[in-house]
Amino acid sequence: MTEKRRHPIGGNWASLLLPIETDDSINFDKLGEEIDILIAARVDGIYSNGTAGEFHNQTEAEFDRIQSMLAERCTKAGMPFVIGACQPDAMIQLDRVRRAASFRPLAIQVILPDWWPLNDLEAADFLARASKVADGIALILYNPPHAKRVLTPSELANICIPCPDIVGIKLSDGGADWYGEARKHLQEFSLFVPGHHLATGMREGVAAGAFSNVACLSPRGAQRWTDLIETNLEAALETERRICRFMDEHIVPFRQKAGYSNAALDKLLSAIGNWGPVGTRLRWPYRAIDETEAARLREIAREELGELIFAS
């Protein structure tokens, strides 16, 4: 698939997580420290305003300040960065795309507006207009598993192929049939699968990379694992099995049994990894998982996932 892709973007992308204070403000000093830590970890890239970045729960002034900080630090360090302009409202999202383009990121991530789910013609029209205001910056479509329309590979092809500026798609994967459909319909796009499935996705010849929950747990560890996939796939797949088991047994139940959001789970992972000043707090009204759970799970994670993930 790689020879036919529209863009070489790929690898291990670390999410920018918002340090939220008790008064629901963003601690921008801590955010700057976090960006510097991710740059020092030498991940393949840093992205802002995914689900874990709480794009749905910030003001436009905060959006601009977050992107400005990310762009300034990454540009100075030569670190690739992607800006998430995601917003459920179509017009607000278009304005975010326009402002994001001024920072000249490697790409801009968008979602399909979804107060009411778009049909294929509406979705293609939205992407065409987003492309127009992106001023030549490549676009990545984010179609998460909680979207109102979770698109199949053939549906994604229908709306994305006509838009030449869509170079990548972040999406949830599936079983063998799904991977077969992805190979059939989406070979020209850089596909980003869930972080904990990256080795499988690359083995299947489908994944270019991940906007990674594993990087939430350990940016350096996720980068080592991504590099291992290229050099020793079988060892990387064995690591993936351990990562998935840890997620299934210790992380996913917080969503399935207690109703916490995916952002809460990602912030819990970062607190378990204890690599930066993020914490587990989410902005109101969303609930955070208590820090004591991170402390409880930290030793379990180190024991089960080993030095590849947690070595300094």
Protein backbone atom coordinates (compact mmCIF):
# COMPACT_ATOMS: atom_id res chain seq x y z
CA MET A 1 0.00 0.00 0.00
CA THR A 2 2.77 2.46 0.84
CA GLU A 3 3.85 2.99 -2.78
CA LYS A 4 0.40 4.32 -3.72
CA ARG A 5 -0.26 6.55 -0.73
CA ARG A 6 -1.04 10.19 -1.31
CA HIS A 7 1.32 11.28 1.47
CA PRO A 8 4.13 9.59 3.47
CA ILE A 9 2.73 10.67 6.85
CA GLY A 10 2.82 7.81 9.37
CA GLY A 11 4.41 6.49 12.53
CA ASN A 12 3.83 7.08 16.23
CA TRP A 13 1.96 10.31 16.94
CA ALA A 14 1.63 11.48 20.54
CA SER A 15 -1.51 13.27 21.69
CA LEU A 16 -1.34 16.67 23.35
CA LEU A 17 -3.35 16.34 26.59
CA LEU A 18 -4.70 19.37 28.45
CA PRO A 19 -3.55 19.92 32.05
CA ILE A 20 -6.82 21.03 33.71
CA GLU A 21 -6.85 22.85 37.05
CA THR A 22 -9.51 22.57 39.79
CA ASP A 23 -11.18 25.74 38.49
CA ASP A 24 -11.44 24.15 35.00
CA SER A 25 -8.78 26.42 33.52
CA ILE A 26 -6.01 25.10 31.28
CA ASN A 27 -2.57 25.34 32.87
CA PHE A 28 -0.59 26.65 29.90
CA ASP A 29 2.73 26.52 31.75
CA LYS A 30 2.26 22.78 32.23
CA LEU A 31 1.10 22.46 28.62
CA GLY A 32 4.34 23.99 27.42
CA GLU A 33 6.32 21.63 29.65
CA GLU A 34 4.37 18.70 28.22
CA ILE A 35 5.14 19.73 24.64
CA ASP A 36 8.84 19.96 25.49
CA ILE A 37 8.76 16.46 27.03
CA LEU A 38 7.11 15.01 23.92
CA ILE A 39 9.68 16.69 21.68
CA ALA A 40 12.49 15.29 23.84
CA ALA A 41 10.93 11.81 23.55
CA ARG A 42 11.57 12.01 19.77
CA VAL A 43 8.17 10.68 18.80
CA ASP A 44 7.39 10.73 15.09
CA GLY A 45 5.02 13.64 15.61
CA ILE A 46 2.70 15.45 18.01
CA TYR A 47 -0.96 16.17 17.38
CA SER A 48 -3.42 18.43 19.14
CA ASN A 49 -7.15 18.44 19.64
CA GLY A 50 -8.05 14.82 19.21
CA THR A 51 -10.64 13.31 21.55
CA ALA A 52 -8.01 13.05 24.29
CA GLY A 53 -7.21 16.73 23.73
CA GLU A 54 -10.79 17.67 24.64
CA PHE A 55 -11.38 19.63 21.42
CA HIS A 56 -15.10 19.55 22.13
CA ASN A 57 -14.76 21.49 25.37
CA GLN A 58 -12.60 24.59 24.83
CA THR A 59 -13.17 28.17 23.73
CA GLU A 60 -11.94 29.50 20.42
CA ALA A 61 -9.39 31.69 22.21
CA GLU A 62 -8.08 28.62 24.02
CA PHE A 63 -7.96 26.72 20.72
CA ASP A 64 -5.79 29.42 19.19
CA ARG A 65 -3.45 29.59 22.17
CA ILE A 66 -2.98 25.80 22.24
CA GLN A 67 -2.13 25.64 18.54
CA SER A 68 0.18 28.63 18.76
CA MET A 69 2.17 27.02 21.58
CA LEU A 70 2.38 23.70 19.77
CA ALA A 71 3.39 25.27 16.46
CA GLU A 72 6.02 27.56 17.97
CA ARG A 73 7.76 24.84 19.97
CA CYS A 74 7.55 22.15 17.30
CA THR A 75 8.71 24.43 14.50
CA LYS A 76 11.70 25.53 16.56
CA ALA A 77 12.60 21.90 17.33
CA GLY A 78 11.93 20.54 13.85
CA MET A 79 9.18 18.28 15.22
CA PRO A 80 6.31 17.40 12.84
CA PHE A 81 2.92 18.39 14.19
CA VAL A 82 -0.72 17.96 13.21
CA ILE A 83 -3.45 20.31 14.39
CA GLY A 84 -6.89 18.95 15.13
CA ALA A 85 -9.47 21.48 13.94
CA CYS A 86 -12.26 19.12 14.99
CA GLN A 87 -15.57 20.59 16.14
CA PRO A 88 -19.08 19.12 15.82
CA ASP A 89 -20.41 22.42 14.39
CA ALA A 90 -19.56 22.73 10.69
CA MET A 91 -19.05 26.49 10.55
CA ILE A 92 -16.93 26.65 13.71
CA GLN A 93 -14.85 23.76 12.40
CA LEU A 94 -14.25 25.49 9.07
CA ASP A 95 -13.05 28.57 10.91
CA ARG A 96 -10.72 26.39 13.00
CA VAL A 97 -9.35 24.84 9.80
CA ARG A 98 -8.69 28.32 8.39
CA ARG A 99 -6.86 29.45 11.53
CA ALA A 100 -4.99 26.16 11.90
CA ALA A 101 -3.64 26.50 8.36
CA SER A 102 -1.85 29.71 9.32
CA PHE A 103 0.46 27.67 11.58
CA ARG A 104 1.54 25.51 8.60
CA PRO A 105 1.26 22.09 10.27
CA LEU A 106 2.07 18.89 8.40
CA ALA A 107 -1.67 18.21 8.27
CA ILE A 108 -4.98 19.28 9.79
CA GLN A 109 -7.34 16.73 11.29
CA VAL A 110 -11.11 17.15 10.79
CA ILE A 111 -14.27 15.26 11.70
CA LEU A 112 -17.59 15.14 9.92
CA PRO A 113 -20.06 17.50 11.62
CA ASP A 114 -22.44 15.27 13.51
CA TRP A 115 -25.23 16.98 15.38
CA TRP A 116 -27.17 15.31 12.58
CA PRO A 117 -25.12 12.70 10.67
CA LEU A 118 -24.17 13.69 7.14
CA ASN A 119 -25.05 11.60 4.12
CA ASP A 120 -22.33 10.87 1.57
CA LEU A 121 -23.06 13.90 -0.62
CA GLU A 122 -23.06 16.22 2.40
CA ALA A 123 -19.87 14.66 3.76
CA ALA A 124 -18.05 15.05 0.43
CA ASP A 125 -19.24 18.65 0.19
CA PHE A 126 -17.97 19.41 3.69
CA LEU A 127 -14.56 17.91 2.95
CA ALA A 128 -14.31 19.88 -0.28
CA ARG A 129 -14.98 23.16 1.52
CA ALA A 130 -12.60 22.26 4.36
CA SER A 131 -9.94 21.56 1.75
CA LYS A 132 -10.52 24.95 0.17
CA VAL A 133 -9.99 26.87 3.42
CA ALA A 134 -7.00 24.72 4.45
CA ASP A 135 -4.81 26.68 2.04
CA GLY A 136 -2.89 23.74 0.66
CA ILE A 137 -2.40 21.91 3.98
CA ALA A 138 -3.20 18.20 3.82
CA LEU A 139 -6.26 16.93 5.69
CA ILE A 140 -6.78 13.84 7.83
CA LEU A 141 -10.33 12.63 8.44
CA TYR A 142 -11.02 11.35 11.94
CA ASN A 143 -13.92 8.85 12.02
CA PRO A 144 -13.94 7.50 15.59
CA PRO A 145 -15.97 4.52 16.82
CA HIS A 146 -18.32 6.85 18.72
CA ALA A 147 -19.19 8.96 15.65
CA LYS A 148 -22.86 9.07 14.70
CA ARG A 149 -21.85 7.50 11.38
CA VAL A 150 -19.04 5.01 11.62
CA LEU A 151 -18.11 4.63 7.97
CA THR A 152 -17.07 1.40 6.28
CA PRO A 153 -13.95 1.36 4.10
CA SER A 154 -16.07 1.59 0.95
CA GLU A 155 -18.07 4.53 2.36
CA LEU A 156 -14.86 6.30 3.34
CA ALA A 157 -13.55 5.80 -0.17
CA ASN A 158 -16.73 7.30 -1.64
CA ILE A 159 -16.32 10.58 0.25
CA CYS A 160 -12.52 10.83 0.47
CA ILE A 161 -11.25 9.81 -2.97
CA PRO A 162 -12.88 12.84 -4.69
CA CYS A 163 -11.00 15.17 -2.31
CA PRO A 164 -7.30 15.12 -3.23
CA ASP A 165 -6.24 16.95 -0.07
CA ILE A 166 -7.47 14.11 2.18
CA VAL A 167 -4.24 12.15 2.66
CA GLY A 168 -5.04 10.14 5.80
CA ILE A 169 -7.87 8.67 7.84
CA LYS A 170 -7.88 7.95 11.56
CA LEU A 171 -10.33 5.16 12.25
CA SER A 172 -11.14 2.07 14.24
CA ASP A 173 -10.11 -1.23 12.71
CA GLY A 174 -11.79 -4.64 12.78
CA GLY A 175 -11.14 -8.28 11.95
CA ALA A 176 -9.80 -9.97 8.85
CA ASP A 177 -12.78 -8.93 6.71
CA TRP A 178 -12.34 -5.28 7.67
CA TYR A 179 -8.65 -5.36 6.81
CA GLY A 180 -9.48 -6.92 3.46
CA GLU A 181 -11.97 -4.16 2.72
CA ALA A 182 -9.45 -1.51 3.78
CA ARG A 183 -6.85 -2.94 1.42
CA LYS A 184 -9.43 -2.97 -1.37
CA HIS A 185 -10.82 0.54 -0.97
CA LEU A 186 -8.35 2.71 0.96
CA GLN A 187 -4.90 1.83 -0.32
CA GLU A 188 -4.07 5.41 -1.38
CA PHE A 189 -4.59 6.83 2.13
CA SER A 190 -2.37 6.75 5.20
CA LEU A 191 -4.55 4.88 7.69
CA PHE A 192 -4.14 5.40 11.42
CA VAL A 193 -5.45 2.52 13.52
CA PRO A 194 -5.89 2.41 17.31
CA GLY A 195 -2.48 2.66 18.94
CA HIS A 196 -2.65 -0.69 20.70
CA HIS A 197 -3.34 -2.42 17.33
CA LEU A 198 -0.47 -0.84 15.42
CA ALA A 199 1.62 -3.99 14.95
CA THR A 200 -1.39 -5.90 13.58
CA GLY A 201 -2.32 -3.01 11.32
CA MET A 202 1.18 -2.85 9.87
CA ARG A 203 1.39 -6.62 9.52
CA GLU A 204 -1.84 -6.46 7.49
CA GLY A 205 -0.28 -3.91 5.16
CA VAL A 206 -2.93 -1.35 6.09
CA ALA A 207 -1.71 0.91 8.90
CA ALA A 208 0.69 3.76 8.27
CA GLY A 209 0.74 4.64 11.95
CA ALA A 210 -1.31 5.59 14.97
CA PHE A 211 -2.45 8.65 16.82
CA SER A 212 -1.59 6.59 19.76
CA ASN A 213 -3.13 5.75 23.12
CA VAL A 214 0.06 3.80 23.80
CA ALA A 215 1.92 7.11 23.52
CA CYS A 216 -0.45 8.45 26.20
CA LEU A 217 0.93 5.72 28.45
CA SER A 218 4.57 6.22 27.45
CA PRO A 219 5.70 8.41 24.55
CA ARG A 220 9.21 6.94 24.54
CA GLY A 221 7.89 3.40 24.95
CA ALA A 222 5.41 3.79 22.12
CA GLN A 223 8.22 5.07 19.89
CA ARG A 224 10.46 2.12 20.78
CA TRP A 225 7.59 -0.26 19.99
CA THR A 226 6.88 1.46 16.67
CA ASP A 227 10.54 1.16 15.73
CA LEU A 228 10.50 -2.52 16.76
CA ILE A 229 7.61 -3.20 14.38
CA GLU A 230 9.94 -2.26 11.52
CA THR A 231 12.80 -4.47 12.69
CA ASN A 232 11.21 -7.44 14.50
CA LEU A 233 7.52 -7.81 13.75
CA GLU A 234 7.03 -11.02 15.73
CA ALA A 235 8.49 -9.47 18.88
CA ALA A 236 6.34 -6.39 18.31
CA LEU A 237 3.21 -8.53 17.95
CA GLU A 238 4.02 -10.26 21.23
CA THR A 239 4.29 -6.83 22.86
CA GLU A 240 0.97 -5.88 21.29
CA ARG A 241 -0.70 -8.91 22.85
CA ARG A 242 0.51 -7.79 26.28
CA ILE A 243 -0.57 -4.19 25.66
CA CYS A 244 -4.04 -5.32 24.56
CA ARG A 245 -4.40 -7.61 27.56
CA PHE A 246 -3.47 -4.76 29.91
CA MET A 247 -5.95 -2.44 28.20
CA ASP A 248 -8.76 -5.02 28.22
CA GLU A 249 -8.25 -6.03 31.84
CA HIS A 250 -7.38 -2.73 33.50
CA ILE A 251 -8.39 0.25 31.32
CA VAL A 252 -11.44 -0.57 29.18
CA PRO A 253 -13.59 -1.57 32.21
CA PHE A 254 -13.57 2.08 33.32
CA ARG A 255 -15.56 2.85 30.17
CA GLN A 256 -17.65 -0.30 29.92
CA LYS A 257 -18.60 -0.64 33.58
CA ALA A 258 -18.33 2.89 34.98
CA GLY A 259 -19.15 5.03 31.93
CA TYR A 260 -15.99 7.12 31.77
CA SER A 261 -15.12 8.81 28.47
CA ASN A 262 -12.27 7.83 26.16
CA ALA A 263 -10.51 11.06 27.12
CA ALA A 264 -10.67 9.98 30.77
CA LEU A 265 -9.07 6.67 29.82
CA ASP A 266 -6.26 8.36 27.90
CA LYS A 267 -5.52 10.71 30.78
CA LEU A 268 -5.49 7.73 33.14
CA LEU A 269 -2.88 6.13 30.88
CA SER A 270 -0.72 9.24 31.01
CA ALA A 271 -0.98 9.30 34.82
CA ILE A 272 -0.01 5.63 34.97
CA GLY A 273 3.02 6.39 32.81
CA ASN A 274 3.76 9.43 35.01
CA TRP A 275 5.89 11.06 32.31
CA GLY A 276 4.51 14.60 32.39
CA PRO A 277 2.40 17.19 34.22
CA VAL A 278 -0.99 16.18 32.81
CA GLY A 279 -3.00 14.54 35.61
CA THR A 280 -6.33 12.78 35.19
CA ARG A 281 -8.65 15.78 35.54
CA LEU A 282 -11.03 16.53 32.67
CA ARG A 283 -12.84 19.80 32.11
CA TRP A 284 -16.38 19.93 33.51
CA PRO A 285 -18.88 18.33 33.06
CA TYR A 286 -16.83 15.22 32.24
CA ARG A 287 -15.71 12.96 35.07
CA ALA A 288 -12.10 12.06 35.72
CA ILE A 289 -10.75 8.78 37.03
CA ASP A 290 -9.19 9.23 40.44
CA GLU A 291 -5.40 9.57 40.60
CA THR A 292 -5.30 6.73 43.11
CA GLU A 293 -6.26 4.34 40.31
CA ALA A 294 -3.20 5.47 38.35
CA ALA A 295 -0.97 4.79 41.33
CA ARG A 296 -2.55 1.35 41.76
CA LEU A 297 -2.10 0.43 38.11
CA ARG A 298 1.41 1.83 37.69
CA GLU A 299 3.23 -1.18 39.10
CA ILE A 300 0.90 -3.58 37.29
CA ALA A 301 1.69 -1.85 34.02
CA ARG A 302 5.42 -1.96 34.64
CA GLU A 303 5.25 -5.65 35.51
CA GLU A 304 3.05 -6.64 32.58
CA LEU A 305 4.48 -4.42 29.84
CA GLY A 306 8.15 -4.54 30.72
CA GLU A 307 11.15 -2.51 29.72
CA LEU A 308 10.20 -1.88 26.10
CA ILE A 309 7.41 0.42 27.19
CA PHE A 310 8.78 1.76 30.49
CA ALA A 311 12.56 1.95 30.14
CA SER A 312 13.87 5.53 30.43
